[in-house]
């Protein structure tokens, strides 16, 4: 597909997707750290 608008949209959605994945992984990591801290305090 040589439609430049489509290409632009696709690359933007790919970077948004990657950003969302990164954010989710950060949140997951933070929640796991909080969980570990909590279980250590118990």
PDB file of N, CA and C in Angstrom:
ATOM      1  N   UNK A   1       0.849  -1.193   0.000  1.00  0.00           N
ATOM      2  CA  UNK A   1       0.000   0.000   0.000  1.00  0.00           C
ATOM      3  C   UNK A   1       0.886   1.245   0.000  1.00  0.00           C
ATOM      4  N   UNK A   2       0.801   2.038  -1.079  1.00  0.00           N
ATOM      5  CA  UNK A   2       1.671   3.211  -1.205  1.00  0.00           C
ATOM      6  C   UNK A   2       0.982   4.499  -0.766  1.00  0.00           C
ATOM      7  N   UNK A   3      -0.153   4.372  -0.106  1.00  0.00           N
ATOM      8  CA  UNK A   3      -0.864   5.559   0.363  1.00  0.00           C
ATOM      9  C   UNK A   3      -0.092   6.191   1.517  1.00  0.00           C
ATOM     10  N   UNK A   4       0.444   7.406   1.329  1.00  0.00           N
ATOM     11  CA  UNK A   4       1.272   8.018   2.384  1.00  0.00           C
ATOM     12  C   UNK A   4       0.495   8.277   3.672  1.00  0.00           C
ATOM     13  N   UNK A   5      -0.784   8.630   3.533  1.00  0.00           N
ATOM     14  CA  UNK A   5      -1.599   8.873   4.726  1.00  0.00           C
ATOM     15  C   UNK A   5      -1.736   7.576   5.515  1.00  0.00           C
ATOM     16  N   UNK A   6      -1.976   6.490   4.787  1.00  0.00           N
ATOM     17  CA  UNK A   6      -2.101   5.190   5.441  1.00  0.00           C
ATOM     18  C   UNK A   6      -0.797   4.799   6.120  1.00  0.00           C
ATOM     19  N   UNK A   7       0.319   5.005   5.417  1.00  0.00           N
ATOM     20  CA  UNK A   7       1.632   4.663   5.988  1.00  0.00           C
ATOM     21  C   UNK A   7       1.887   5.466   7.255  1.00  0.00           C
ATOM     22  N   UNK A   8       1.553   6.754   7.210  1.00  0.00           N
ATOM     23  CA  UNK A   8       1.765   7.621   8.362  1.00  0.00           C
ATOM     24  C   UNK A   8       0.918   7.128   9.530  1.00  0.00           C
ATOM     25  N   UNK A   9      -0.343   6.804   9.235  1.00  0.00           N
ATOM     26  CA  UNK A   9      -1.248   6.335  10.278  1.00  0.00           C
ATOM     27  C   UNK A   9      -0.744   5.028  10.870  1.00  0.00           C
ATOM     28  N   UNK A  10      -0.269   4.147   9.989  1.00  0.00           N
ATOM     29  CA  UNK A  10       0.188   2.843  10.459  1.00  0.00           C
ATOM     30  C   UNK A  10       1.409   2.989  11.360  1.00  0.00           C
ATOM     31  N   UNK A  11       2.375   3.801  10.939  1.00  0.00           N
ATOM     32  CA  UNK A  11       3.583   3.940  11.760  1.00  0.00           C
ATOM     33  C   UNK A  11       3.246   4.614  13.083  1.00  0.00           C
ATOM     34  N   UNK A  12       2.289   5.554  13.068  1.00  0.00           N
ATOM     35  CA  UNK A  12       1.918   6.212  14.309  1.00  0.00           C
ATOM     36  C   UNK A  12       1.230   5.221  15.242  1.00  0.00           C
ATOM     37  N   UNK A  13       0.353   4.378  14.691  1.00  0.00           N
ATOM     38  CA  UNK A  13      -0.343   3.417  15.545  1.00  0.00           C
ATOM     39  C   UNK A  13       0.630   2.376  16.087  1.00  0.00           C
ATOM     40  N   UNK A  14       1.647   2.036  15.299  1.00  0.00           N
ATOM     41  CA  UNK A  14       2.658   1.080  15.775  1.00  0.00           C
ATOM     42  C   UNK A  14       3.434   1.679  16.944  1.00  0.00           C
ATOM     43  N   UNK A  15       3.807   2.964  16.835  1.00  0.00           N
ATOM     44  CA  UNK A  15       4.563   3.572  17.933  1.00  0.00           C
ATOM     45  C   UNK A  15       3.675   3.760  19.156  1.00  0.00           C
ATOM     46  N   UNK A  16       2.391   4.064  18.945  1.00  0.00           N
ATOM     47  CA  UNK A  16       1.465   4.157  20.076  1.00  0.00           C
ATOM     48  C   UNK A  16       1.352   2.807  20.767  1.00  0.00           C
ATOM     49  N   UNK A  17       1.276   1.749  19.961  1.00  0.00           N
ATOM     50  CA  UNK A  17       1.169   0.391  20.487  1.00  0.00           C
ATOM     51  C   UNK A  17       2.403   0.047  21.318  1.00  0.00           C
ATOM     52  N   UNK A  18       3.575   0.379  20.784  1.00  0.00           N
ATOM     53  CA  UNK A  18       4.818   0.100  21.508  1.00  0.00           C
ATOM     54  C   UNK A  18       4.859   0.885  22.813  1.00  0.00           C
ATOM     55  N   UNK A  19       4.405   2.133  22.765  1.00  0.00           N
ATOM     56  CA  UNK A  19       4.387   2.966  23.964  1.00  0.00           C
ATOM     57  C   UNK A  19       3.454   2.357  25.011  1.00  0.00           C
ATOM     58  N   UNK A  20       2.300   1.887  24.571  1.00  0.00           N
ATOM     59  CA  UNK A  20       1.333   1.288  25.493  1.00  0.00           C
ATOM     60  C   UNK A  20       1.911   0.033  26.136  1.00  0.00           C
ATOM     61  N   UNK A  21       2.584  -0.791  25.340  1.00  0.00           N
ATOM     62  CA  UNK A  21       3.208  -2.009  25.870  1.00  0.00           C
ATOM     63  C   UNK A  21       4.245  -1.649  26.924  1.00  0.00           C
ATOM     64  N   UNK A  22       5.063  -0.624  26.621  1.00  0.00           N
ATOM     65  CA  UNK A  22       6.112  -0.216  27.557  1.00  0.00           C
ATOM     66  C   UNK A  22       5.484   0.256  28.871  1.00  0.00           C
ATOM     67  N   UNK A  23       4.415   1.043  28.747  1.00  0.00           N
ATOM     68  CA  UNK A  23       3.734   1.550  29.940  1.00  0.00           C
ATOM     69  C   UNK A  23       3.176   0.396  30.756  1.00  0.00           C
ATOM     70  N   UNK A  24       2.548  -0.565  30.080  1.00  0.00           N
ATOM     71  CA  UNK A  24       1.983  -1.717  30.781  1.00  0.00           C
ATOM     72  C   UNK A  24       3.062  -2.492  31.512  1.00  0.00           C
ATOM     73  N   UNK A  25       4.218  -2.656  30.871  1.00  0.00           N
ATOM     74  CA  UNK A  25       5.300  -3.400  31.509  1.00  0.00           C
ATOM     75  C   UNK A  25       5.830  -2.645  32.721  1.00  0.00           C
ATOM     76  N   UNK A  26       5.918  -1.315  32.611  1.00  0.00           N
ATOM     77  CA  UNK A  26       6.357  -0.502  33.751  1.00  0.00           C
ATOM     78  C   UNK A  26       5.383  -0.668  34.912  1.00  0.00           C
ATOM     79  N   UNK A  27       4.094  -0.562  34.622  1.00  0.00           N
ATOM     80  CA  UNK A  27       3.071  -0.697  35.665  1.00  0.00           C
ATOM     81  C   UNK A  27       3.171  -2.071  36.305  1.00  0.00           C
ATOM     82  N   UNK A  28       3.315  -3.092  35.480  1.00  0.00           N
ATOM     83  CA  UNK A  28       3.413  -4.464  35.986  1.00  0.00           C
ATOM     84  C   UNK A  28       4.608  -4.597  36.918  1.00  0.00           C
ATOM     85  N   UNK A  29       5.739  -4.023  36.506  1.00  0.00           N
ATOM     86  CA  UNK A  29       6.957  -4.112  37.307  1.00  0.00           C
ATOM     87  C   UNK A  29       6.755  -3.396  38.647  1.00  0.00           C
ATOM     88  N   UNK A  30       6.161  -2.203  38.592  1.00  0.00           N
ATOM     89  CA  UNK A  30       5.930  -1.436  39.815  1.00  0.00           C
ATOM     90  C   UNK A  30       4.991  -2.176  40.751  1.00  0.00           C
ATOM     91  N   UNK A  31       3.930  -2.762  40.207  1.00  0.00           N
ATOM     92  CA  UNK A  31       2.974  -3.477  41.050  1.00  0.00           C
ATOM     93  C   UNK A  31       3.630  -4.694  41.682  1.00  0.00           C
ATOM     94  N   UNK A  32       4.519  -5.339  40.949  1.00  0.00           N
ATOM     95  CA  UNK A  32       5.199  -6.503  41.505  1.00  0.00           C
ATOM     96  C   UNK A  32       6.122  -6.062  42.640  1.00  0.00           C
ATOM     97  N   UNK A  33       6.803  -4.927  42.459  1.00  0.00           N
ATOM     98  CA  UNK A  33       7.679  -4.415  43.517  1.00  0.00           C
ATOM     99  C   UNK A  33       6.858  -4.072  44.751  1.00  0.00           C
ATOM    100  N   UNK A  34       5.716  -3.430  44.558  1.00  0.00           N
ATOM    101  CA  UNK A  34       4.840  -3.081  45.678  1.00  0.00           C
ATOM    102  C   UNK A  34       4.377  -4.358  46.370  1.00  0.00           C
ATOM    103  N   UNK A  35       4.018  -5.359  45.583  1.00  0.00           N
ATOM    104  CA  UNK A  35       3.579  -6.631  46.155  1.00  0.00           C
ATOM    105  C   UNK A  35       4.687  -7.285  46.959  1.00  0.00           C
ATOM    106  N   UNK A  36       5.915  -7.238  46.446  1.00  0.00           N
ATOM    107  CA  UNK A  36       7.045  -7.823  47.166  1.00  0.00           C
ATOM    108  C   UNK A  36       7.279  -7.088  48.477  1.00  0.00           C
ATOM    109  N   UNK A  37       7.224  -5.769  48.436  1.00  0.00           N
ATOM    110  CA  UNK A  37       7.429  -4.970  49.647  1.00  0.00           C
ATOM    111  C   UNK A  37       6.360  -5.320  50.666  1.00  0.00           C
ATOM    112  N   UNK A  38       5.136  -5.455  50.179  1.00  0.00           N
ATOM    113  CA  UNK A  38       4.018  -5.744  51.080  1.00  0.00           C
ATOM    114  C   UNK A  38       4.192  -7.111  51.739  1.00  0.00           C
ATOM    115  N   UNK A  39       4.579  -8.105  50.947  1.00  0.00           N
ATOM    116  CA  UNK A  39       4.715  -9.454  51.506  1.00  0.00           C
ATOM    117  C   UNK A  39       5.922  -9.529  52.440  1.00  0.00           C
ATOM    118  N   UNK A  40       6.927  -8.689  52.218  1.00  0.00           N
ATOM    119  CA  UNK A  40       8.082  -8.672  53.118  1.00  0.00           C
ATOM    120  C   UNK A  40       7.688  -8.081  54.469  1.00  0.00           C
ATOM    121  N   UNK A  41       6.827  -7.064  54.441  1.00  0.00           N
ATOM    122  CA  UNK A  41       6.422  -6.406  55.687  1.00  0.00           C
ATOM    123  C   UNK A  41       5.513  -7.300  56.519  1.00  0.00           C
ATOM    124  N   UNK A  42       4.845  -8.247  55.866  1.00  0.00           N
ATOM    125  CA  UNK A  42       3.861  -9.067  56.576  1.00  0.00           C
ATOM    126  C   UNK A  42       4.488  -9.872  57.698  1.00  0.00           C
TER     127      UNK A  42
END
